[in-house]
Amino acid sequence: MHPHLEASLSSAAAFFQAVQPAPDPGALPKLDPVQLVLHASVPVKAVLVILVVFSVACWLVIGAKALHLSRARGESKKFVGAFDQAKNFDELAQGLTAFRGSPFARIFAVGYDEMNRFTRGERGVVLTDAQGTHVESATRRAAAQEVTHLESWMALLGTIGSTSPFIGLFGTVYGIMDAFLSIGNQQNANLPVVAPKIAEALIATAIGLVAAIPAVMAYNYFARRVGQLADIMEGFAADVAARARLGGI
């Protein structure tokens, strides 16, 4: 290589090295959400733990309630078909073990037992008005109990959906307050000072929404499903009482 060209390239390289900014030894590392959570203040950590527990409980209830309602709807549909086709209550009562997950089967069992209590096992005996009214009252109470059973654990979903945003908001408020205290104590309002505090505060809000949104959606869905079953069960209770008045035929 020509001596003059080599000297020119060396001078250019030295120039670019001189104009490049030197690395800042005091530069802060990039913010990591996991590290923010691990190094968060104690109140914010407590809020995050509560919200995570709420979220896990929410999904457990959603899974269990979905299986519960699915089984209840499936077996109830089959039982209502068998109820309409049965010639008498005795024939239907023999196959009740196949419909253990059906609330309609349990309503029928209550009406069947009350009818047998009045007829003392005799078949074709027509009940009096008072006896028929009693059977109808018993089947309606059984229907109300089944609705209550179907609504079990739904109150927890409503509680999680209504309180999680406010718990997350508490964590957010505390985190922002902590950030302003850091500014006051350090007399420094630079972004590296306040960014971690505000970031961990916003994480609390995000987790609160993650816990609340599925809970509210699931609660509304299950409430609608239970309401549909409740309307049908009320009419079914009246049908059982009406057939019991005629002796279960």
C-alpha atoms as a PDB file:
ATOM      1  CA  MET A   1       0.000   0.000   0.000  1.00  0.00           C
ATOM      2  CA  HIS A   2       1.203   3.495  -0.788  1.00  0.00           C
ATOM      3  CA  PRO A   3       2.672   5.222   2.274  1.00  0.00           C
ATOM      4  CA  HIS A   4       0.578   8.362   1.802  1.00  0.00           C
ATOM      5  CA  LEU A   5      -2.677   6.313   1.425  1.00  0.00           C
ATOM      6  CA  GLU A   6      -1.884   4.292   4.559  1.00  0.00           C
ATOM      7  CA  ALA A   7      -1.279   7.467   6.528  1.00  0.00           C
ATOM      8  CA  SER A   8      -4.588   8.921   5.312  1.00  0.00           C
ATOM      9  CA  LEU A   9      -6.563   5.825   6.401  1.00  0.00           C
ATOM     10  CA  SER A  10      -4.901   5.855   9.820  1.00  0.00           C
ATOM     11  CA  SER A  11      -5.790   9.502  10.289  1.00  0.00           C
ATOM     12  CA  ALA A  12      -9.433   8.872   9.298  1.00  0.00           C
ATOM     13  CA  ALA A  13      -9.740   5.970  11.733  1.00  0.00           C
ATOM     14  CA  ALA A  14      -8.292   8.054  14.524  1.00  0.00           C
ATOM     15  CA  PHE A  15     -10.759  10.836  13.733  1.00  0.00           C
ATOM     16  CA  PHE A  16     -13.850   8.549  13.879  1.00  0.00           C
ATOM     17  CA  GLN A  17     -12.678   7.067  17.152  1.00  0.00           C
ATOM     18  CA  ALA A  18     -12.274  10.555  18.557  1.00  0.00           C
ATOM     19  CA  VAL A  19     -15.753  11.740  17.575  1.00  0.00           C
ATOM     20  CA  GLN A  20     -17.553   8.594  18.871  1.00  0.00           C
ATOM     21  CA  PRO A  21     -19.119   9.173  22.335  1.00  0.00           C
ATOM     22  CA  ALA A  22     -17.390   7.365  25.125  1.00  0.00           C
ATOM     23  CA  PRO A  23     -19.526   4.829  27.023  1.00  0.00           C
ATOM     24  CA  ASP A  24     -21.031   6.232  30.161  1.00  0.00           C
ATOM     25  CA  PRO A  25     -19.911   4.086  33.111  1.00  0.00           C
ATOM     26  CA  GLY A  26     -22.845   5.388  35.163  1.00  0.00           C
ATOM     27  CA  ALA A  27     -25.520   4.547  32.593  1.00  0.00           C
ATOM     28  CA  LEU A  28     -28.540   2.775  34.118  1.00  0.00           C
ATOM     29  CA  PRO A  29     -29.535  -0.672  32.828  1.00  0.00           C
ATOM     30  CA  LYS A  30     -32.735  -1.115  30.874  1.00  0.00           C
ATOM     31  CA  LEU A  31     -35.899  -1.517  32.926  1.00  0.00           C
ATOM     32  CA  ASP A  32     -37.011  -5.137  33.286  1.00  0.00           C
ATOM     33  CA  PRO A  33     -40.597  -5.805  34.478  1.00  0.00           C
ATOM     34  CA  VAL A  34     -39.484  -8.868  36.442  1.00  0.00           C
ATOM     35  CA  GLN A  35     -36.747  -6.952  38.197  1.00  0.00           C
ATOM     36  CA  LEU A  36     -39.157  -4.112  38.893  1.00  0.00           C
ATOM     37  CA  VAL A  37     -41.534  -6.498  40.622  1.00  0.00           C
ATOM     38  CA  LEU A  38     -38.752  -8.178  42.601  1.00  0.00           C
ATOM     39  CA  HIS A  39     -37.377  -4.839  43.790  1.00  0.00           C
ATOM     40  CA  ALA A  40     -40.754  -3.165  44.357  1.00  0.00           C
ATOM     41  CA  SER A  41     -41.692  -1.702  47.718  1.00  0.00           C
ATOM     42  CA  VAL A  42     -43.411  -3.912  50.290  1.00  0.00           C
ATOM     43  CA  PRO A  43     -46.940  -2.422  49.852  1.00  0.00           C
ATOM     44  CA  VAL A  44     -46.747  -2.794  46.088  1.00  0.00           C
ATOM     45  CA  LYS A  45     -45.525  -6.385  46.452  1.00  0.00           C
ATOM     46  CA  ALA A  46     -48.429  -7.111  48.793  1.00  0.00           C
ATOM     47  CA  VAL A  47     -50.863  -5.689  46.244  1.00  0.00           C
ATOM     48  CA  LEU A  48     -49.328  -7.795  43.464  1.00  0.00           C
ATOM     49  CA  VAL A  49     -49.519 -10.985  45.553  1.00  0.00           C
ATOM     50  CA  ILE A  50     -53.193 -10.344  46.367  1.00  0.00           C
ATOM     51  CA  LEU A  51     -54.016  -9.716  42.721  1.00  0.00           C
ATOM     52  CA  VAL A  52     -52.173 -12.841  41.562  1.00  0.00           C
ATOM     53  CA  VAL A  53     -54.082 -14.923  44.128  1.00  0.00           C
ATOM     54  CA  PHE A  54     -57.325 -13.351  42.919  1.00  0.00           C
ATOM     55  CA  SER A  55     -56.463 -14.148  39.310  1.00  0.00           C
ATOM     56  CA  VAL A  56     -55.647 -17.805  40.066  1.00  0.00           C
ATOM     57  CA  ALA A  57     -58.842 -18.186  42.133  1.00  0.00           C
ATOM     58  CA  CYS A  58     -60.846 -16.579  39.329  1.00  0.00           C
ATOM     59  CA  TRP A  59     -59.665 -19.066  36.716  1.00  0.00           C
ATOM     60  CA  LEU A  60     -60.196 -22.024  39.055  1.00  0.00           C
ATOM     61  CA  VAL A  61     -63.792 -20.933  39.667  1.00  0.00           C
ATOM     62  CA  ILE A  62     -64.346 -20.334  35.956  1.00  0.00           C
ATOM     63  CA  GLY A  63     -63.157 -23.843  35.085  1.00  0.00           C
ATOM     64  CA  ALA A  64     -65.145 -25.557  37.831  1.00  0.00           C
ATOM     65  CA  LYS A  65     -68.316 -23.565  37.149  1.00  0.00           C
ATOM     66  CA  ALA A  66     -68.096 -24.164  33.399  1.00  0.00           C
ATOM     67  CA  LEU A  67     -67.909 -27.938  33.976  1.00  0.00           C
ATOM     68  CA  HIS A  68     -70.739 -27.753  36.527  1.00  0.00           C
ATOM     69  CA  LEU A  69     -73.131 -25.881  34.254  1.00  0.00           C
ATOM     70  CA  SER A  70     -72.197 -27.942  31.214  1.00  0.00           C
ATOM     71  CA  ARG A  71     -72.996 -31.170  33.039  1.00  0.00           C
ATOM     72  CA  ALA A  72     -76.199 -29.747  34.497  1.00  0.00           C
ATOM     73  CA  ARG A  73     -77.464 -28.577  31.101  1.00  0.00           C
ATOM     74  CA  GLY A  74     -76.547 -31.815  29.314  1.00  0.00           C
ATOM     75  CA  GLU A  75     -78.079 -34.216  31.828  1.00  0.00           C
ATOM     76  CA  SER A  76     -81.112 -31.993  32.405  1.00  0.00           C
ATOM     77  CA  LYS A  77     -81.917 -31.987  28.706  1.00  0.00           C
ATOM     78  CA  LYS A  78     -81.876 -35.784  28.700  1.00  0.00           C
ATOM     79  CA  PHE A  79     -83.923 -36.008  31.887  1.00  0.00           C
ATOM     80  CA  VAL A  80     -86.633 -33.649  30.646  1.00  0.00           C
ATOM     81  CA  GLY A  81     -86.952 -35.818  27.535  1.00  0.00           C
ATOM     82  CA  ALA A  82     -87.290 -38.915  29.703  1.00  0.00           C
ATOM     83  CA  PHE A  83     -89.821 -37.117  31.927  1.00  0.00           C
ATOM     84  CA  ASP A  84     -92.022 -36.267  28.960  1.00  0.00           C
ATOM     85  CA  GLN A  85     -91.907 -39.833  27.630  1.00  0.00           C
ATOM     86  CA  ALA A  86     -92.345 -41.687  30.937  1.00  0.00           C
ATOM     87  CA  LYS A  87     -95.740 -43.314  31.472  1.00  0.00           C
ATOM     88  CA  ASN A  88     -95.644 -42.791  35.224  1.00  0.00           C
ATOM     89  CA  PHE A  89     -93.407 -41.582  38.006  1.00  0.00           C
ATOM     90  CA  ASP A  90     -92.398 -45.089  39.075  1.00  0.00           C
ATOM     91  CA  GLU A  91     -90.918 -45.818  35.679  1.00  0.00           C
ATOM     92  CA  LEU A  92     -88.953 -42.569  35.729  1.00  0.00           C
ATOM     93  CA  ALA A  93     -87.777 -43.020  39.320  1.00  0.00           C
ATOM     94  CA  GLN A  94     -86.080 -46.307  38.481  1.00  0.00           C
ATOM     95  CA  GLY A  95     -83.566 -44.541  36.231  1.00  0.00           C
ATOM     96  CA  LEU A  96     -82.754 -41.531  38.398  1.00  0.00           C
ATOM     97  CA  THR A  97     -79.206 -42.726  39.080  1.00  0.00           C
ATOM     98  CA  ALA A  98     -78.323 -41.954  35.462  1.00  0.00           C
ATOM     99  CA  PHE A  99     -79.099 -38.255  35.984  1.00  0.00           C
ATOM    100  CA  ARG A 100     -77.164 -37.442  39.170  1.00  0.00           C
ATOM    101  CA  GLY A 101     -75.831 -34.191  37.724  1.00  0.00           C
ATOM    102  CA  SER A 102     -79.272 -32.885  36.725  1.00  0.00           C
ATOM    103  CA  PRO A 103     -81.032 -30.381  39.000  1.00  0.00           C
ATOM    104  CA  PHE A 104     -84.290 -31.342  37.293  1.00  0.00           C
ATOM    105  CA  ALA A 105     -83.887 -34.928  38.494  1.00  0.00           C
ATOM    106  CA  ARG A 106     -83.505 -33.734  42.086  1.00  0.00           C
ATOM    107  CA  ILE A 107     -86.627 -31.584  41.771  1.00  0.00           C
ATOM    108  CA  PHE A 108     -88.526 -34.599  40.490  1.00  0.00           C
ATOM    109  CA  ALA A 109     -87.196 -36.726  43.375  1.00  0.00           C
ATOM    110  CA  VAL A 110     -88.590 -34.228  45.894  1.00  0.00           C
ATOM    111  CA  GLY A 111     -92.017 -34.228  44.235  1.00  0.00           C
ATOM    112  CA  TYR A 112     -92.004 -38.021  43.939  1.00  0.00           C
ATOM    113  CA  ASP A 113     -91.166 -38.489  47.622  1.00  0.00           C
ATOM    114  CA  GLU A 114     -93.871 -36.038  48.720  1.00  0.00           C
ATOM    115  CA  MET A 115     -96.445 -37.777  46.529  1.00  0.00           C
ATOM    116  CA  ASN A 116     -95.539 -41.176  47.981  1.00  0.00           C
ATOM    117  CA  ARG A 117     -95.803 -39.753  51.494  1.00  0.00           C
ATOM    118  CA  PHE A 118     -99.431 -38.804  50.873  1.00  0.00           C
ATOM    119  CA  THR A 119    -100.457 -41.864  48.848  1.00  0.00           C
ATOM    120  CA  ARG A 120     -98.530 -44.334  51.086  1.00  0.00           C
ATOM    121  CA  GLY A 121     -97.217 -46.125  47.991  1.00  0.00           C
ATOM    122  CA  GLU A 122    -100.627 -46.645  46.348  1.00  0.00           C
ATOM    123  CA  ARG A 123    -100.770 -45.887  42.652  1.00  0.00           C
ATOM    124  CA  GLY A 124    -103.429 -43.895  40.821  1.00  0.00           C
ATOM    125  CA  VAL A 125    -104.541 -42.030  43.949  1.00  0.00           C
ATOM    126  CA  VAL A 126    -105.517 -38.448  43.140  1.00  0.00           C
ATOM    127  CA  LEU A 127    -104.243 -35.935  45.679  1.00  0.00           C
ATOM    128  CA  THR A 128    -106.488 -33.425  47.366  1.00  0.00           C
ATOM    129  CA  ASP A 129    -106.082 -29.725  46.682  1.00  0.00           C
ATOM    130  CA  ALA A 130    -104.200 -29.220  49.939  1.00  0.00           C
ATOM    131  CA  GLN A 131    -101.891 -32.131  49.230  1.00  0.00           C
ATOM    132  CA  GLY A 132    -101.284 -30.947  45.677  1.00  0.00           C
ATOM    133  CA  THR A 133    -100.489 -27.458  46.921  1.00  0.00           C
ATOM    134  CA  HIS A 134     -98.006 -28.911  49.384  1.00  0.00           C
ATOM    135  CA  VAL A 135     -96.280 -30.937  46.663  1.00  0.00           C
ATOM    136  CA  GLU A 136     -96.077 -27.869  44.437  1.00  0.00           C
ATOM    137  CA  SER A 137     -94.593 -25.840  47.276  1.00  0.00           C
ATOM    138  CA  ALA A 138     -92.002 -28.554  47.902  1.00  0.00           C
ATOM    139  CA  THR A 139     -90.966 -28.725  44.251  1.00  0.00           C
ATOM    140  CA  ARG A 140     -90.675 -24.937  44.030  1.00  0.00           C
ATOM    141  CA  ARG A 141     -88.475 -24.892  47.133  1.00  0.00           C
ATOM    142  CA  ALA A 142     -86.331 -27.606  45.573  1.00  0.00           C
ATOM    143  CA  ALA A 143     -86.038 -25.528  42.399  1.00  0.00           C
ATOM    144  CA  ALA A 144     -84.943 -22.490  44.418  1.00  0.00           C
ATOM    145  CA  GLN A 145     -82.319 -24.584  46.197  1.00  0.00           C
ATOM    146  CA  GLU A 146     -81.001 -25.865  42.882  1.00  0.00           C
ATOM    147  CA  VAL A 147     -80.676 -22.302  41.577  1.00  0.00           C
ATOM    148  CA  THR A 148     -78.720 -21.392  44.703  1.00  0.00           C
ATOM    149  CA  HIS A 149     -76.475 -24.401  44.121  1.00  0.00           C
ATOM    150  CA  LEU A 150     -75.871 -23.383  40.515  1.00  0.00           C
ATOM    151  CA  GLU A 151     -74.946 -19.879  41.674  1.00  0.00           C
ATOM    152  CA  SER A 152     -72.361 -21.157  44.149  1.00  0.00           C
ATOM    153  CA  TRP A 153     -68.944 -19.450  43.916  1.00  0.00           C
ATOM    154  CA  MET A 154     -70.305 -16.848  41.509  1.00  0.00           C
ATOM    155  CA  ALA A 155     -70.200 -14.300  44.322  1.00  0.00           C
ATOM    156  CA  LEU A 156     -66.422 -14.764  44.413  1.00  0.00           C
ATOM    157  CA  LEU A 157     -66.224 -13.850  40.721  1.00  0.00           C
ATOM    158  CA  GLY A 158     -68.283 -10.737  41.371  1.00  0.00           C
ATOM    159  CA  THR A 159     -66.070  -9.772  44.298  1.00  0.00           C
ATOM    160  CA  ILE A 160     -62.875 -10.231  42.284  1.00  0.00           C
ATOM    161  CA  GLY A 161     -64.286  -8.305  39.340  1.00  0.00           C
ATOM    162  CA  SER A 162     -65.373  -5.358  41.467  1.00  0.00           C
ATOM    163  CA  THR A 163     -62.437  -5.081  43.871  1.00  0.00           C
ATOM    164  CA  SER A 164     -59.377  -5.977  41.772  1.00  0.00           C
ATOM    165  CA  PRO A 165     -59.239  -2.637  39.878  1.00  0.00           C
ATOM    166  CA  PHE A 166     -59.379  -0.710  43.148  1.00  0.00           C
ATOM    167  CA  ILE A 167     -56.670  -2.854  44.746  1.00  0.00           C
ATOM    168  CA  GLY A 168     -54.498  -2.288  41.673  1.00  0.00           C
ATOM    169  CA  LEU A 169     -55.272   1.425  41.858  1.00  0.00           C
ATOM    170  CA  PHE A 170     -54.075   1.478  45.466  1.00  0.00           C
ATOM    171  CA  GLY A 171     -50.761  -0.004  44.342  1.00  0.00           C
ATOM    172  CA  THR A 172     -50.543   2.589  41.585  1.00  0.00           C
ATOM    173  CA  VAL A 173     -51.216   5.492  43.937  1.00  0.00           C
ATOM    174  CA  TYR A 174     -48.652   4.238  46.427  1.00  0.00           C
ATOM    175  CA  GLY A 175     -46.033   3.750  43.700  1.00  0.00           C
ATOM    176  CA  ILE A 176     -46.512   7.255  42.331  1.00  0.00           C
ATOM    177  CA  MET A 177     -46.413   8.674  45.850  1.00  0.00           C
ATOM    178  CA  ASP A 178     -43.154   6.790  46.436  1.00  0.00           C
ATOM    179  CA  ALA A 179     -41.764   8.249  43.213  1.00  0.00           C
ATOM    180  CA  PHE A 180     -42.499  11.806  44.365  1.00  0.00           C
ATOM    181  CA  LEU A 181     -40.920  11.065  47.742  1.00  0.00           C
ATOM    182  CA  SER A 182     -37.780   9.894  45.942  1.00  0.00           C
ATOM    183  CA  ILE A 183     -37.712  13.149  43.980  1.00  0.00           C
ATOM    184  CA  GLY A 184     -38.011  15.143  47.185  1.00  0.00           C
ATOM    185  CA  ASN A 185     -35.390  13.147  49.056  1.00  0.00           C
ATOM    186  CA  GLN A 186     -32.829  13.113  46.251  1.00  0.00           C
ATOM    187  CA  GLN A 187     -33.617  16.607  44.972  1.00  0.00           C
ATOM    188  CA  ASN A 188     -33.507  15.110  41.518  1.00  0.00           C
ATOM    189  CA  ALA A 189     -36.376  14.880  39.045  1.00  0.00           C
ATOM    190  CA  ASN A 190     -34.486  13.020  36.326  1.00  0.00           C
ATOM    191  CA  LEU A 191     -36.339  10.228  34.554  1.00  0.00           C
ATOM    192  CA  PRO A 192     -34.028   7.446  35.830  1.00  0.00           C
ATOM    193  CA  VAL A 193     -35.049   8.381  39.372  1.00  0.00           C
ATOM    194  CA  VAL A 194     -38.835   8.282  38.899  1.00  0.00           C
ATOM    195  CA  ALA A 195     -39.214   5.801  36.029  1.00  0.00           C
ATOM    196  CA  PRO A 196     -38.807   2.578  38.078  1.00  0.00           C
ATOM    197  CA  LYS A 197     -41.307   3.715  40.721  1.00  0.00           C
ATOM    198  CA  ILE A 198     -43.922   4.737  38.170  1.00  0.00           C
ATOM    199  CA  ALA A 199     -43.351   1.555  36.139  1.00  0.00           C
ATOM    200  CA  GLU A 200     -43.939  -0.729  39.128  1.00  0.00           C
ATOM    201  CA  ALA A 201     -47.051   1.295  39.975  1.00  0.00           C
ATOM    202  CA  LEU A 202     -48.464   0.792  36.493  1.00  0.00           C
ATOM    203  CA  ILE A 203     -47.705  -2.936  36.694  1.00  0.00           C
ATOM    204  CA  ALA A 204     -50.045  -3.119  39.702  1.00  0.00           C
ATOM    205  CA  THR A 205     -52.805  -1.485  37.660  1.00  0.00           C
ATOM    206  CA  ALA A 206     -52.254  -3.885  34.771  1.00  0.00           C
ATOM    207  CA  ILE A 207     -52.426  -6.988  36.965  1.00  0.00           C
ATOM    208  CA  GLY A 208     -55.564  -5.624  38.613  1.00  0.00           C
ATOM    209  CA  LEU A 209     -57.234  -5.387  35.209  1.00  0.00           C
ATOM    210  CA  VAL A 210     -55.982  -8.845  34.235  1.00  0.00           C
ATOM    211  CA  ALA A 211     -57.732 -10.259  37.300  1.00  0.00           C
ATOM    212  CA  ALA A 212     -60.918  -8.183  36.988  1.00  0.00           C
ATOM    213  CA  ILE A 213     -61.792  -8.456  33.293  1.00  0.00           C
ATOM    214  CA  PRO A 214     -62.131 -12.292  33.099  1.00  0.00           C
ATOM    215  CA  ALA A 215     -64.022 -12.317  36.400  1.00  0.00           C
ATOM    216  CA  VAL A 216     -66.613  -9.807  35.198  1.00  0.00           C
ATOM    217  CA  MET A 217     -67.051 -11.505  31.830  1.00  0.00           C
ATOM    218  CA  ALA A 218     -67.403 -14.960  33.415  1.00  0.00           C
ATOM    219  CA  TYR A 219     -69.841 -13.687  36.038  1.00  0.00           C
ATOM    220  CA  ASN A 220     -72.115 -12.158  33.398  1.00  0.00           C
ATOM    221  CA  TYR A 221     -71.967 -15.309  31.269  1.00  0.00           C
ATOM    222  CA  PHE A 222     -72.722 -17.682  34.137  1.00  0.00           C
ATOM    223  CA  ALA A 223     -75.469 -15.428  35.494  1.00  0.00           C
ATOM    224  CA  ARG A 224     -77.213 -15.530  32.128  1.00  0.00           C
ATOM    225  CA  ARG A 225     -76.898 -19.324  31.928  1.00  0.00           C
ATOM    226  CA  VAL A 226     -78.187 -19.837  35.463  1.00  0.00           C
ATOM    227  CA  GLY A 227     -81.073 -17.448  34.783  1.00  0.00           C
ATOM    228  CA  GLN A 228     -82.109 -19.501  31.766  1.00  0.00           C
ATOM    229  CA  LEU A 229     -82.030 -22.723  33.764  1.00  0.00           C
ATOM    230  CA  ALA A 230     -83.915 -21.082  36.638  1.00  0.00           C
ATOM    231  CA  ASP A 231     -86.818 -20.105  34.358  1.00  0.00           C
ATOM    232  CA  ILE A 232     -87.067 -23.639  32.992  1.00  0.00           C
ATOM    233  CA  MET A 233     -86.811 -25.216  36.458  1.00  0.00           C
ATOM    234  CA  GLU A 234     -89.673 -23.096  37.760  1.00  0.00           C
ATOM    235  CA  GLY A 235     -91.950 -24.389  35.024  1.00  0.00           C
ATOM    236  CA  PHE A 236     -90.686 -27.932  35.508  1.00  0.00           C
ATOM    237  CA  ALA A 237     -91.479 -27.805  39.220  1.00  0.00           C
ATOM    238  CA  ALA A 238     -95.065 -26.887  38.350  1.00  0.00           C
ATOM    239  CA  ASP A 239     -95.239 -29.778  35.848  1.00  0.00           C
ATOM    240  CA  VAL A 240     -94.044 -32.281  38.469  1.00  0.00           C
ATOM    241  CA  ALA A 241     -96.658 -31.014  40.948  1.00  0.00           C
ATOM    242  CA  ALA A 242     -99.417 -31.189  38.332  1.00  0.00           C
ATOM    243  CA  ARG A 243     -98.651 -34.834  37.503  1.00  0.00           C
ATOM    244  CA  ALA A 244     -98.280 -35.668  41.193  1.00  0.00           C
ATOM    245  CA  ARG A 245    -101.828 -34.353  41.797  1.00  0.00           C
ATOM    246  CA  LEU A 246    -103.041 -37.047  39.370  1.00  0.00           C
ATOM    247  CA  GLY A 247    -101.148 -39.802  41.148  1.00  0.00           C
ATOM    248  CA  GLY A 248     -97.948 -39.603  39.135  1.00  0.00           C
ATOM    249  CA  ILE A 249     -99.360 -40.627  35.779  1.00  0.00           C
END
